[in-house]
């Protein structure tokens, strides 16, 4: 069942914009047994062909396989995100999930205000003390974290191995530590197989809007292609759609992110660095259903198959058997700890 609720400021705050809410799975009229889950999307919302769509797939799988009643909220700007989380918590959801680091402050606050509600956040920015030491999370809050640098290392190596150029590109969304992990891993992968290669990197901005600016993405990508870059990896949300358009225009290659983005520019997507956002959301819901939910940090890397890259019939012709074997070897070395991938730009240079 699908429905749309308009949340007006009288429900929460006078200035709150409208939020779109769509339940799926078992209906509210069904038995009270089961699981009520609320998911609030990040900037860009559904249809970003990336981060949010991955969370949606995880929610739909939980509805289908676990019988969960899942409510999706697509916020507008600013306080809408906090309002959406608060609404779901006030309704007594069994689990409330924020999709993105941008929810960090709000979800930390609400987890304390609603100790009987379980919360999870994809890419939560872990709180620290004045010395930078991580602080413990509330017992009802799970941080779903990824070692993006490991998957990015593999696509960096791939870009250098097949790019036929000593220059490769990276387009980031918002200039923040989370996206720096992608860049750091990518740089390290490039340098591992091509020490004299140059990585040209640029970011779309310093606010969340940097994740939904395809025009800026296209502009940056065209500039890189014009400098001799043949492959660009983006970690920029829907801004990356502009990177793909630049790849088509220049007849060069791009690398997608978070989900398989081949369909956005068939023939011009070398691969995509995928994050198991769908799996992390599904596992969080499953832990609540099974009574095993605990607060704290849950990491997803190559060893947990939480990150990786796409290799299938769509891109097989672009990746030779020898290159594939090299990437398999690098994967094994990372999982075994023989290669330690940096997660900061300083470590990746």
C-alpha atoms as a PDB file:
ATOM      1  CA  UNK A   1       0.000   0.000   0.000  1.00  0.00           C
ATOM      2  CA  UNK A   2       1.183   3.525  -0.758  1.00  0.00           C
ATOM      3  CA  UNK A   3      -0.131   6.743   0.718  1.00  0.00           C
ATOM      4  CA  UNK A   4       1.021  10.323   1.042  1.00  0.00           C
ATOM      5  CA  UNK A   5       0.798  12.301   4.236  1.00  0.00           C
ATOM      6  CA  UNK A   6       1.360  16.039   4.384  1.00  0.00           C
ATOM      7  CA  UNK A   7       3.104  16.986   7.598  1.00  0.00           C
ATOM      8  CA  UNK A   8       2.327  20.576   8.504  1.00  0.00           C
ATOM      9  CA  UNK A   9       4.166  22.638  11.054  1.00  0.00           C
ATOM     10  CA  UNK A  10       1.389  22.197  13.593  1.00  0.00           C
ATOM     11  CA  UNK A  11       2.453  18.596  13.938  1.00  0.00           C
ATOM     12  CA  UNK A  12       6.027  19.432  14.806  1.00  0.00           C
ATOM     13  CA  UNK A  13       7.367  22.920  14.168  1.00  0.00           C
ATOM     14  CA  UNK A  14       5.650  25.889  12.603  1.00  0.00           C
ATOM     15  CA  UNK A  15       8.308  26.247   9.927  1.00  0.00           C
ATOM     16  CA  UNK A  16       8.613  22.581   8.903  1.00  0.00           C
ATOM     17  CA  UNK A  17       8.145  22.014   5.177  1.00  0.00           C
ATOM     18  CA  UNK A  18       6.036  19.176   3.791  1.00  0.00           C
ATOM     19  CA  UNK A  19       7.419  15.661   3.993  1.00  0.00           C
ATOM     20  CA  UNK A  20       6.456  12.809   1.691  1.00  0.00           C
ATOM     21  CA  UNK A  21       5.724   9.586   3.550  1.00  0.00           C
ATOM     22  CA  UNK A  22       5.131   6.259   1.798  1.00  0.00           C
ATOM     23  CA  UNK A  23       4.507   3.081   3.825  1.00  0.00           C
ATOM     24  CA  UNK A  24       5.168  -0.264   2.192  1.00  0.00           C
ATOM     25  CA  UNK A  25       4.836  -3.905   3.159  1.00  0.00           C
ATOM     26  CA  UNK A  26       2.170  -4.901   5.656  1.00  0.00           C
ATOM     27  CA  UNK A  27      -0.507  -2.251   6.143  1.00  0.00           C
ATOM     28  CA  UNK A  28      -1.325  -0.494   9.391  1.00  0.00           C
ATOM     29  CA  UNK A  29      -4.658  -2.287   9.327  1.00  0.00           C
ATOM     30  CA  UNK A  30      -2.851  -5.628   9.474  1.00  0.00           C
ATOM     31  CA  UNK A  31      -2.127  -7.440  12.716  1.00  0.00           C
ATOM     32  CA  UNK A  32      -0.185  -5.444  15.265  1.00  0.00           C
ATOM     33  CA  UNK A  33       2.428  -8.190  15.198  1.00  0.00           C
ATOM     34  CA  UNK A  34       5.406  -7.487  12.994  1.00  0.00           C
ATOM     35  CA  UNK A  35       7.867  -4.704  12.684  1.00  0.00           C
ATOM     36  CA  UNK A  36       7.443  -0.978  12.043  1.00  0.00           C
ATOM     37  CA  UNK A  37      10.453   0.661  10.396  1.00  0.00           C
ATOM     38  CA  UNK A  38      10.925   4.271   9.347  1.00  0.00           C
ATOM     39  CA  UNK A  39      13.551   5.400   6.830  1.00  0.00           C
ATOM     40  CA  UNK A  40      14.399   9.057   6.196  1.00  0.00           C
ATOM     41  CA  UNK A  41      16.270   9.668   2.948  1.00  0.00           C
ATOM     42  CA  UNK A  42      19.327  11.846   2.437  1.00  0.00           C
ATOM     43  CA  UNK A  43      19.793  14.854   0.139  1.00  0.00           C
ATOM     44  CA  UNK A  44      18.677  13.968  -3.371  1.00  0.00           C
ATOM     45  CA  UNK A  45      15.979  11.550  -2.198  1.00  0.00           C
ATOM     46  CA  UNK A  46      14.656   8.592  -4.124  1.00  0.00           C
ATOM     47  CA  UNK A  47      15.742   8.318  -7.709  1.00  0.00           C
ATOM     48  CA  UNK A  48      19.354   9.348  -7.124  1.00  0.00           C
ATOM     49  CA  UNK A  49      20.398   6.027  -8.739  1.00  0.00           C
ATOM     50  CA  UNK A  50      22.842   5.696  -5.874  1.00  0.00           C
ATOM     51  CA  UNK A  51      22.839   6.134  -2.096  1.00  0.00           C
ATOM     52  CA  UNK A  52      19.145   6.641  -1.325  1.00  0.00           C
ATOM     53  CA  UNK A  53      17.996   4.089  -3.839  1.00  0.00           C
ATOM     54  CA  UNK A  54      20.219   1.542  -2.098  1.00  0.00           C
ATOM     55  CA  UNK A  55      18.514   2.241   1.223  1.00  0.00           C
ATOM     56  CA  UNK A  56      15.136   1.934  -0.455  1.00  0.00           C
ATOM     57  CA  UNK A  57      16.048  -1.493  -1.841  1.00  0.00           C
ATOM     58  CA  UNK A  58      17.056  -2.601   1.649  1.00  0.00           C
ATOM     59  CA  UNK A  59      13.751  -1.383   3.032  1.00  0.00           C
ATOM     60  CA  UNK A  60      11.775  -3.136   0.308  1.00  0.00           C
ATOM     61  CA  UNK A  61      13.643  -6.372   0.945  1.00  0.00           C
ATOM     62  CA  UNK A  62      12.841  -6.097   4.658  1.00  0.00           C
ATOM     63  CA  UNK A  63       9.174  -5.561   3.808  1.00  0.00           C
ATOM     64  CA  UNK A  64       9.145  -8.532   1.448  1.00  0.00           C
ATOM     65  CA  UNK A  65      11.249 -11.025   3.405  1.00  0.00           C
ATOM     66  CA  UNK A  66      10.691  -9.984   7.019  1.00  0.00           C
ATOM     67  CA  UNK A  67       7.143  -8.671   6.820  1.00  0.00           C
ATOM     68  CA  UNK A  68       8.216  -5.231   8.017  1.00  0.00           C
ATOM     69  CA  UNK A  69       5.939  -2.229   7.591  1.00  0.00           C
ATOM     70  CA  UNK A  70       8.303   0.369   6.177  1.00  0.00           C
ATOM     71  CA  UNK A  71       7.562   4.087   6.058  1.00  0.00           C
ATOM     72  CA  UNK A  72       9.758   6.266   3.835  1.00  0.00           C
ATOM     73  CA  UNK A  73      10.169   9.987   4.368  1.00  0.00           C
ATOM     74  CA  UNK A  74      11.686  12.246   1.754  1.00  0.00           C
ATOM     75  CA  UNK A  75      12.610  15.495   3.517  1.00  0.00           C
ATOM     76  CA  UNK A  76      12.932  18.923   2.007  1.00  0.00           C
ATOM     77  CA  UNK A  77      15.481  21.236   3.543  1.00  0.00           C
ATOM     78  CA  UNK A  78      17.129  21.877   6.884  1.00  0.00           C
ATOM     79  CA  UNK A  79      14.928  21.019   9.850  1.00  0.00           C
ATOM     80  CA  UNK A  80      12.783  18.678   7.742  1.00  0.00           C
ATOM     81  CA  UNK A  81      15.293  15.907   8.377  1.00  0.00           C
ATOM     82  CA  UNK A  82      15.054  16.264  12.139  1.00  0.00           C
ATOM     83  CA  UNK A  83      11.277  16.598  11.894  1.00  0.00           C
ATOM     84  CA  UNK A  84      11.013  13.373   9.915  1.00  0.00           C
ATOM     85  CA  UNK A  85      13.124  11.440  12.396  1.00  0.00           C
ATOM     86  CA  UNK A  86      11.197  12.900  15.315  1.00  0.00           C
ATOM     87  CA  UNK A  87       7.840  12.023  13.799  1.00  0.00           C
ATOM     88  CA  UNK A  88       8.850   8.402  13.347  1.00  0.00           C
ATOM     89  CA  UNK A  89      10.317   8.184  16.847  1.00  0.00           C
ATOM     90  CA  UNK A  90       7.184   9.727  18.364  1.00  0.00           C
ATOM     91  CA  UNK A  91       5.076   7.132  16.554  1.00  0.00           C
ATOM     92  CA  UNK A  92       6.989   4.426  18.402  1.00  0.00           C
ATOM     93  CA  UNK A  93       8.647   2.784  15.412  1.00  0.00           C
ATOM     94  CA  UNK A  94      10.654  -0.342  16.191  1.00  0.00           C
ATOM     95  CA  UNK A  95      13.553   1.067  14.178  1.00  0.00           C
ATOM     96  CA  UNK A  96      14.228   4.517  12.729  1.00  0.00           C
ATOM     97  CA  UNK A  97      16.948   4.782  10.074  1.00  0.00           C
ATOM     98  CA  UNK A  98      18.659   7.922   8.821  1.00  0.00           C
ATOM     99  CA  UNK A  99      20.361   7.624   5.436  1.00  0.00           C
ATOM    100  CA  UNK A 100      23.552   9.658   5.500  1.00  0.00           C
ATOM    101  CA  UNK A 101      26.080  11.391   7.737  1.00  0.00           C
ATOM    102  CA  UNK A 102      24.000  14.557   7.598  1.00  0.00           C
ATOM    103  CA  UNK A 103      21.624  13.008  10.173  1.00  0.00           C
ATOM    104  CA  UNK A 104      24.384  12.544  12.757  1.00  0.00           C
ATOM    105  CA  UNK A 105      23.610  15.389  15.181  1.00  0.00           C
ATOM    106  CA  UNK A 106      19.846  14.914  15.013  1.00  0.00           C
ATOM    107  CA  UNK A 107      19.919  11.161  15.449  1.00  0.00           C
ATOM    108  CA  UNK A 108      22.363  11.353  18.369  1.00  0.00           C
ATOM    109  CA  UNK A 109      20.002  13.787  20.092  1.00  0.00           C
ATOM    110  CA  UNK A 110      16.863  11.771  19.391  1.00  0.00           C
ATOM    111  CA  UNK A 111      18.449   8.494  20.494  1.00  0.00           C
ATOM    112  CA  UNK A 112      18.858  10.060  23.934  1.00  0.00           C
ATOM    113  CA  UNK A 113      15.371  11.564  23.935  1.00  0.00           C
ATOM    114  CA  UNK A 114      13.745   8.268  22.904  1.00  0.00           C
ATOM    115  CA  UNK A 115      15.719   5.535  24.719  1.00  0.00           C
ATOM    116  CA  UNK A 116      13.050   2.926  23.939  1.00  0.00           C
ATOM    117  CA  UNK A 117      13.284   3.477  20.168  1.00  0.00           C
ATOM    118  CA  UNK A 118      16.079   1.843  18.193  1.00  0.00           C
ATOM    119  CA  UNK A 119      17.936   4.014  15.700  1.00  0.00           C
ATOM    120  CA  UNK A 120      20.448   3.323  12.936  1.00  0.00           C
ATOM    121  CA  UNK A 121      22.310   5.709  10.666  1.00  0.00           C
ATOM    122  CA  UNK A 122      24.184   4.959   7.456  1.00  0.00           C
ATOM    123  CA  UNK A 123      27.588   6.699   7.545  1.00  0.00           C
ATOM    124  CA  UNK A 124      27.044   8.221  10.997  1.00  0.00           C
ATOM    125  CA  UNK A 125      29.904  10.571  11.866  1.00  0.00           C
ATOM    126  CA  UNK A 126      31.157   9.144  15.149  1.00  0.00           C
ATOM    127  CA  UNK A 127      31.225  11.677  18.005  1.00  0.00           C
ATOM    128  CA  UNK A 128      34.596  12.394  19.607  1.00  0.00           C
ATOM    129  CA  UNK A 129      35.926  14.205  22.648  1.00  0.00           C
ATOM    130  CA  UNK A 130      38.220  17.244  22.527  1.00  0.00           C
ATOM    131  CA  UNK A 131      41.237  15.017  21.851  1.00  0.00           C
ATOM    132  CA  UNK A 132      39.535  13.246  18.954  1.00  0.00           C
ATOM    133  CA  UNK A 133      38.885  10.007  20.840  1.00  0.00           C
ATOM    134  CA  UNK A 134      35.611   8.360  19.756  1.00  0.00           C
ATOM    135  CA  UNK A 135      32.832   8.520  22.324  1.00  0.00           C
ATOM    136  CA  UNK A 136      30.512   5.570  23.010  1.00  0.00           C
ATOM    137  CA  UNK A 137      27.189   5.608  21.189  1.00  0.00           C
ATOM    138  CA  UNK A 138      23.849   5.344  22.985  1.00  0.00           C
ATOM    139  CA  UNK A 139      22.823   1.698  23.494  1.00  0.00           C
ATOM    140  CA  UNK A 140      19.876   2.155  21.125  1.00  0.00           C
ATOM    141  CA  UNK A 141      21.910   3.563  18.212  1.00  0.00           C
ATOM    142  CA  UNK A 142      23.779   1.566  15.576  1.00  0.00           C
ATOM    143  CA  UNK A 143      26.233   3.239  13.183  1.00  0.00           C
ATOM    144  CA  UNK A 144      26.323   1.510   9.792  1.00  0.00           C
ATOM    145  CA  UNK A 145      29.823   2.306   8.539  1.00  0.00           C
ATOM    146  CA  UNK A 146      31.665   1.307   5.378  1.00  0.00           C
ATOM    147  CA  UNK A 147      35.329   1.047   4.501  1.00  0.00           C
ATOM    148  CA  UNK A 148      34.783   2.911   1.251  1.00  0.00           C
ATOM    149  CA  UNK A 149      38.513   3.352   0.831  1.00  0.00           C
ATOM    150  CA  UNK A 150      38.917  -0.393   0.174  1.00  0.00           C
ATOM    151  CA  UNK A 151      36.481  -0.511  -2.732  1.00  0.00           C
ATOM    152  CA  UNK A 152      37.850   2.778  -4.022  1.00  0.00           C
ATOM    153  CA  UNK A 153      41.368   1.311  -3.992  1.00  0.00           C
ATOM    154  CA  UNK A 154      40.239  -1.402  -6.411  1.00  0.00           C
ATOM    155  CA  UNK A 155      38.576   0.982  -8.868  1.00  0.00           C
ATOM    156  CA  UNK A 156      41.610   3.258  -8.659  1.00  0.00           C
ATOM    157  CA  UNK A 157      43.843   0.376  -9.658  1.00  0.00           C
ATOM    158  CA  UNK A 158      41.391  -0.490 -12.431  1.00  0.00           C
ATOM    159  CA  UNK A 159      41.322   3.085 -13.742  1.00  0.00           C
ATOM    160  CA  UNK A 160      45.117   3.177 -13.932  1.00  0.00           C
ATOM    161  CA  UNK A 161      45.372  -0.279 -15.547  1.00  0.00           C
ATOM    162  CA  UNK A 162      42.887   0.346 -18.351  1.00  0.00           C
ATOM    163  CA  UNK A 163      42.938   4.132 -18.733  1.00  0.00           C
ATOM    164  CA  UNK A 164      45.809   4.281 -21.236  1.00  0.00           C
ATOM    165  CA  UNK A 165      46.819   7.609 -19.723  1.00  0.00           C
ATOM    166  CA  UNK A 166      49.029   8.748 -16.890  1.00  0.00           C
ATOM    167  CA  UNK A 167      46.143  10.895 -15.663  1.00  0.00           C
ATOM    168  CA  UNK A 168      42.959   9.767 -13.930  1.00  0.00           C
ATOM    169  CA  UNK A 169      40.199  11.866 -12.393  1.00  0.00           C
ATOM    170  CA  UNK A 170      38.136  12.022  -9.210  1.00  0.00           C
ATOM    171  CA  UNK A 171      34.980  14.109  -8.717  1.00  0.00           C
ATOM    172  CA  UNK A 172      33.764  14.441  -5.147  1.00  0.00           C
ATOM    173  CA  UNK A 173      30.494  15.878  -3.899  1.00  0.00           C
ATOM    174  CA  UNK A 174      30.736  17.723  -0.598  1.00  0.00           C
ATOM    175  CA  UNK A 175      34.319  18.402   0.539  1.00  0.00           C
ATOM    176  CA  UNK A 176      34.178  16.420   3.785  1.00  0.00           C
ATOM    177  CA  UNK A 177      36.039  13.601   5.538  1.00  0.00           C
ATOM    178  CA  UNK A 178      33.603  10.924   4.358  1.00  0.00           C
ATOM    179  CA  UNK A 179      34.222  11.675   0.677  1.00  0.00           C
ATOM    180  CA  UNK A 180      37.930  12.057   1.357  1.00  0.00           C
ATOM    181  CA  UNK A 181      37.896   8.299   2.151  1.00  0.00           C
ATOM    182  CA  UNK A 182      36.850   7.607  -1.438  1.00  0.00           C
ATOM    183  CA  UNK A 183      39.550   9.878  -2.803  1.00  0.00           C
ATOM    184  CA  UNK A 184      42.231   8.469  -0.492  1.00  0.00           C
ATOM    185  CA  UNK A 185      41.522   4.879  -1.439  1.00  0.00           C
ATOM    186  CA  UNK A 186      41.279   5.751  -5.124  1.00  0.00           C
ATOM    187  CA  UNK A 187      44.621   7.575  -5.076  1.00  0.00           C
ATOM    188  CA  UNK A 188      46.270   4.691  -3.238  1.00  0.00           C
ATOM    189  CA  UNK A 189      44.944   2.170  -5.768  1.00  0.00           C
ATOM    190  CA  UNK A 190      46.150   4.254  -8.698  1.00  0.00           C
ATOM    191  CA  UNK A 191      49.600   4.725  -7.196  1.00  0.00           C
ATOM    192  CA  UNK A 192      49.909   1.047  -6.242  1.00  0.00           C
ATOM    193  CA  UNK A 193      49.808  -0.064  -9.880  1.00  0.00           C
ATOM    194  CA  UNK A 194      51.101   3.131 -11.495  1.00  0.00           C
ATOM    195  CA  UNK A 195      53.460   5.094  -9.201  1.00  0.00           C
ATOM    196  CA  UNK A 196      53.969   7.876 -11.755  1.00  0.00           C
ATOM    197  CA  UNK A 197      50.275   8.408 -12.532  1.00  0.00           C
ATOM    198  CA  UNK A 198      48.605  11.708 -11.598  1.00  0.00           C
ATOM    199  CA  UNK A 199      45.202  11.925  -9.913  1.00  0.00           C
ATOM    200  CA  UNK A 200      43.289  15.115 -10.720  1.00  0.00           C
ATOM    201  CA  UNK A 201      40.604  15.695  -8.068  1.00  0.00           C
ATOM    202  CA  UNK A 202      37.934  18.326  -7.575  1.00  0.00           C
ATOM    203  CA  UNK A 203      34.873  18.781  -5.361  1.00  0.00           C
ATOM    204  CA  UNK A 204      31.466  20.223  -6.191  1.00  0.00           C
ATOM    205  CA  UNK A 205      31.136  22.322  -3.034  1.00  0.00           C
ATOM    206  CA  UNK A 206      31.118  22.553   0.747  1.00  0.00           C
ATOM    207  CA  UNK A 207      27.399  22.154   1.478  1.00  0.00           C
ATOM    208  CA  UNK A 208      25.032  19.187   1.017  1.00  0.00           C
ATOM    209  CA  UNK A 209      23.866  20.751  -2.253  1.00  0.00           C
ATOM    210  CA  UNK A 210      27.169  19.513  -3.696  1.00  0.00           C
ATOM    211  CA  UNK A 211      25.555  16.076  -3.904  1.00  0.00           C
ATOM    212  CA  UNK A 212      22.847  17.194  -6.312  1.00  0.00           C
ATOM    213  CA  UNK A 213      24.439  19.483  -8.870  1.00  0.00           C
ATOM    214  CA  UNK A 214      24.787  17.581 -12.180  1.00  0.00           C
ATOM    215  CA  UNK A 215      25.722  20.768 -14.014  1.00  0.00           C
ATOM    216  CA  UNK A 216      28.735  21.266 -11.787  1.00  0.00           C
ATOM    217  CA  UNK A 217      29.640  17.598 -12.145  1.00  0.00           C
ATOM    218  CA  UNK A 218      29.615  17.842 -15.926  1.00  0.00           C
ATOM    219  CA  UNK A 219      31.695  21.019 -15.867  1.00  0.00           C
ATOM    220  CA  UNK A 220      34.394  19.478 -13.659  1.00  0.00           C
ATOM    221  CA  UNK A 221      34.468  16.234 -15.613  1.00  0.00           C
ATOM    222  CA  UNK A 222      34.785  17.943 -18.998  1.00  0.00           C
ATOM    223  CA  UNK A 223      37.725  19.954 -17.679  1.00  0.00           C
ATOM    224  CA  UNK A 224      39.448  16.748 -16.554  1.00  0.00           C
ATOM    225  CA  UNK A 225      38.817  14.926 -19.830  1.00  0.00           C
ATOM    226  CA  UNK A 226      40.217  17.930 -21.674  1.00  0.00           C
ATOM    227  CA  UNK A 227      43.396  17.613 -19.577  1.00  0.00           C
ATOM    228  CA  UNK A 228      44.027  14.088 -20.844  1.00  0.00           C
ATOM    229  CA  UNK A 229      42.094  12.070 -18.283  1.00  0.00           C
ATOM    230  CA  UNK A 230      40.383   9.007 -19.758  1.00  0.00           C
ATOM    231  CA  UNK A 231      38.670   7.652 -16.615  1.00  0.00           C
ATOM    232  CA  UNK A 232      36.893   9.574 -13.830  1.00  0.00           C
ATOM    233  CA  UNK A 233      35.592   8.104 -10.571  1.00  0.00           C
ATOM    234  CA  UNK A 234      32.822  10.100  -8.911  1.00  0.00           C
ATOM    235  CA  UNK A 235      31.594  10.016  -5.307  1.00  0.00           C
ATOM    236  CA  UNK A 236      29.063  12.799  -5.564  1.00  0.00           C
ATOM    237  CA  UNK A 237      25.468  11.554  -5.465  1.00  0.00           C
ATOM    238  CA  UNK A 238      23.338  12.847  -8.315  1.00  0.00           C
ATOM    239  CA  UNK A 239      26.090  15.323  -9.212  1.00  0.00           C
ATOM    240  CA  UNK A 240      27.680  12.271 -10.787  1.00  0.00           C
ATOM    241  CA  UNK A 241      24.940  12.212 -13.424  1.00  0.00           C
ATOM    242  CA  UNK A 242      26.739  15.215 -14.918  1.00  0.00           C
ATOM    243  CA  UNK A 243      29.990  13.255 -14.897  1.00  0.00           C
ATOM    244  CA  UNK A 244      28.291  10.533 -16.924  1.00  0.00           C
ATOM    245  CA  UNK A 245      26.984  13.082 -19.412  1.00  0.00           C
ATOM    246  CA  UNK A 246      30.522  14.426 -19.808  1.00  0.00           C
ATOM    247  CA  UNK A 247      31.774  10.868 -20.400  1.00  0.00           C
ATOM    248  CA  UNK A 248      29.215  10.408 -23.183  1.00  0.00           C
ATOM    249  CA  UNK A 249      30.079  13.767 -24.721  1.00  0.00           C
ATOM    250  CA  UNK A 250      33.821  13.086 -24.570  1.00  0.00           C
ATOM    251  CA  UNK A 251      33.447   9.397 -25.412  1.00  0.00           C
ATOM    252  CA  UNK A 252      35.554   8.471 -22.417  1.00  0.00           C
ATOM    253  CA  UNK A 253      34.907   6.418 -19.275  1.00  0.00           C
ATOM    254  CA  UNK A 254      33.443   7.071 -15.848  1.00  0.00           C
ATOM    255  CA  UNK A 255      33.150   4.981 -12.678  1.00  0.00           C
ATOM    256  CA  UNK A 256      29.895   4.982 -10.725  1.00  0.00           C
ATOM    257  CA  UNK A 257      29.453   4.842  -6.976  1.00  0.00           C
ATOM    258  CA  UNK A 258      27.343   3.185  -4.250  1.00  0.00           C
ATOM    259  CA  UNK A 259      25.206   1.171  -6.708  1.00  0.00           C
ATOM    260  CA  UNK A 260      25.655  -0.256 -10.206  1.00  0.00           C
ATOM    261  CA  UNK A 261      25.232   2.845 -12.374  1.00  0.00           C
ATOM    262  CA  UNK A 262      25.858   1.248 -15.768  1.00  0.00           C
ATOM    263  CA  UNK A 263      22.334   2.042 -16.980  1.00  0.00           C
ATOM    264  CA  UNK A 264      22.987   5.782 -16.613  1.00  0.00           C
ATOM    265  CA  UNK A 265      25.472   5.784 -19.503  1.00  0.00           C
ATOM    266  CA  UNK A 266      25.701   2.361 -21.164  1.00  0.00           C
ATOM    267  CA  UNK A 267      29.044   1.812 -22.822  1.00  0.00           C
ATOM    268  CA  UNK A 268      30.728   4.608 -20.904  1.00  0.00           C
ATOM    269  CA  UNK A 269      30.656   3.194 -17.355  1.00  0.00           C
ATOM    270  CA  UNK A 270      33.840   1.234 -16.709  1.00  0.00           C
ATOM    271  CA  UNK A 271      32.463  -0.110 -13.408  1.00  0.00           C
ATOM    272  CA  UNK A 272      30.860   1.126 -10.202  1.00  0.00           C
ATOM    273  CA  UNK A 273      32.300   1.048  -6.684  1.00  0.00           C
ATOM    274  CA  UNK A 274      29.364  -0.436  -4.828  1.00  0.00           C
ATOM    275  CA  UNK A 275      28.454  -0.092  -1.160  1.00  0.00           C
ATOM    276  CA  UNK A 276      26.057  -2.592   0.354  1.00  0.00           C
ATOM    277  CA  UNK A 277      23.734   0.076   1.678  1.00  0.00           C
ATOM    278  CA  UNK A 278      20.782  -2.165   0.922  1.00  0.00           C
ATOM    279  CA  UNK A 279      22.380  -5.015   2.861  1.00  0.00           C
ATOM    280  CA  UNK A 280      23.257  -2.800   5.846  1.00  0.00           C
ATOM    281  CA  UNK A 281      19.675  -1.520   6.082  1.00  0.00           C
ATOM    282  CA  UNK A 282      18.267  -5.026   5.739  1.00  0.00           C
ATOM    283  CA  UNK A 283      20.621  -6.438   8.381  1.00  0.00           C
ATOM    284  CA  UNK A 284      19.682  -3.652  10.812  1.00  0.00           C
ATOM    285  CA  UNK A 285      15.987  -4.465  10.395  1.00  0.00           C
ATOM    286  CA  UNK A 286      16.669  -8.192  10.672  1.00  0.00           C
ATOM    287  CA  UNK A 287      18.574  -7.724  13.941  1.00  0.00           C
ATOM    288  CA  UNK A 288      15.552  -5.975  15.448  1.00  0.00           C
ATOM    289  CA  UNK A 289      13.213  -8.728  14.291  1.00  0.00           C
ATOM    290  CA  UNK A 290      15.495 -11.409  15.705  1.00  0.00           C
ATOM    291  CA  UNK A 291      16.077  -9.558  18.977  1.00  0.00           C
ATOM    292  CA  UNK A 292      19.827  -9.229  18.423  1.00  0.00           C
ATOM    293  CA  UNK A 293      20.008  -5.466  17.834  1.00  0.00           C
ATOM    294  CA  UNK A 294      22.821  -3.767  19.754  1.00  0.00           C
ATOM    295  CA  UNK A 295      24.123  -0.240  19.664  1.00  0.00           C
ATOM    296  CA  UNK A 296      27.609   0.608  18.441  1.00  0.00           C
ATOM    297  CA  UNK A 297      29.483   0.534  15.157  1.00  0.00           C
ATOM    298  CA  UNK A 298      29.003  -2.106  12.479  1.00  0.00           C
ATOM    299  CA  UNK A 299      31.641  -2.036   9.751  1.00  0.00           C
ATOM    300  CA  UNK A 300      31.246  -3.244   6.165  1.00  0.00           C
ATOM    301  CA  UNK A 301      34.412  -3.670   4.100  1.00  0.00           C
ATOM    302  CA  UNK A 302      35.828  -6.063   1.519  1.00  0.00           C
ATOM    303  CA  UNK A 303      36.038  -8.866   4.069  1.00  0.00           C
ATOM    304  CA  UNK A 304      32.332  -8.498   4.869  1.00  0.00           C
ATOM    305  CA  UNK A 305      31.484  -8.013   1.171  1.00  0.00           C
ATOM    306  CA  UNK A 306      30.182  -4.578   2.116  1.00  0.00           C
ATOM    307  CA  UNK A 307      32.107  -2.836  -0.670  1.00  0.00           C
ATOM    308  CA  UNK A 308      33.391  -3.957  -4.045  1.00  0.00           C
ATOM    309  CA  UNK A 309      33.166  -3.226  -7.742  1.00  0.00           C
ATOM    310  CA  UNK A 310      30.884  -4.364 -10.548  1.00  0.00           C
ATOM    311  CA  UNK A 311      32.127  -6.981 -13.008  1.00  0.00           C
ATOM    312  CA  UNK A 312      29.475  -8.504 -15.236  1.00  0.00           C
ATOM    313  CA  UNK A 313      28.382  -8.910 -18.839  1.00  0.00           C
ATOM    314  CA  UNK A 314      27.953  -5.144 -19.230  1.00  0.00           C
ATOM    315  CA  UNK A 315      31.608  -4.288 -18.635  1.00  0.00           C
ATOM    316  CA  UNK A 316      33.419  -7.572 -19.199  1.00  0.00           C
ATOM    317  CA  UNK A 317      34.753  -6.380 -22.564  1.00  0.00           C
ATOM    318  CA  UNK A 318      36.413  -3.398 -20.855  1.00  0.00           C
ATOM    319  CA  UNK A 319      38.249  -5.457 -18.222  1.00  0.00           C
ATOM    320  CA  UNK A 320      40.688  -8.083 -19.498  1.00  0.00           C
ATOM    321  CA  UNK A 321      41.228 -11.397 -17.726  1.00  0.00           C
ATOM    322  CA  UNK A 322      44.692 -10.246 -16.688  1.00  0.00           C
ATOM    323  CA  UNK A 323      43.335  -7.039 -15.120  1.00  0.00           C
ATOM    324  CA  UNK A 324      40.565  -8.986 -13.401  1.00  0.00           C
ATOM    325  CA  UNK A 325      43.149 -11.388 -11.950  1.00  0.00           C
ATOM    326  CA  UNK A 326      45.234  -8.440 -10.709  1.00  0.00           C
ATOM    327  CA  UNK A 327      42.204  -6.968  -8.942  1.00  0.00           C
ATOM    328  CA  UNK A 328      41.394 -10.345  -7.375  1.00  0.00           C
ATOM    329  CA  UNK A 329      44.954 -10.491  -6.036  1.00  0.00           C
ATOM    330  CA  UNK A 330      44.690  -6.967  -4.616  1.00  0.00           C
ATOM    331  CA  UNK A 331      41.380  -7.860  -2.980  1.00  0.00           C
ATOM    332  CA  UNK A 332      42.955 -10.879  -1.298  1.00  0.00           C
ATOM    333  CA  UNK A 333      45.883  -8.764  -0.086  1.00  0.00           C
ATOM    334  CA  UNK A 334      43.562  -6.159   1.448  1.00  0.00           C
ATOM    335  CA  UNK A 335      41.384  -8.762   3.176  1.00  0.00           C
ATOM    336  CA  UNK A 336      44.490 -10.499   4.542  1.00  0.00           C
ATOM    337  CA  UNK A 337      45.943  -7.221   5.792  1.00  0.00           C
ATOM    338  CA  UNK A 338      48.952  -7.305   3.479  1.00  0.00           C
ATOM    339  CA  UNK A 339      47.746  -4.021   1.996  1.00  0.00           C
ATOM    340  CA  UNK A 340      46.417  -1.399   4.410  1.00  0.00           C
ATOM    341  CA  UNK A 341      44.367   1.151   2.512  1.00  0.00           C
ATOM    342  CA  UNK A 342      44.518   4.757   3.795  1.00  0.00           C
ATOM    343  CA  UNK A 343      41.262   6.448   4.747  1.00  0.00           C
ATOM    344  CA  UNK A 344      42.468  10.062   4.744  1.00  0.00           C
ATOM    345  CA  UNK A 345      43.726  12.205   1.915  1.00  0.00           C
ATOM    346  CA  UNK A 346      47.044  12.687   3.714  1.00  0.00           C
ATOM    347  CA  UNK A 347      47.550   8.920   3.809  1.00  0.00           C
ATOM    348  CA  UNK A 348      46.531   8.489   0.184  1.00  0.00           C
ATOM    349  CA  UNK A 349      48.941  10.966  -1.323  1.00  0.00           C
END
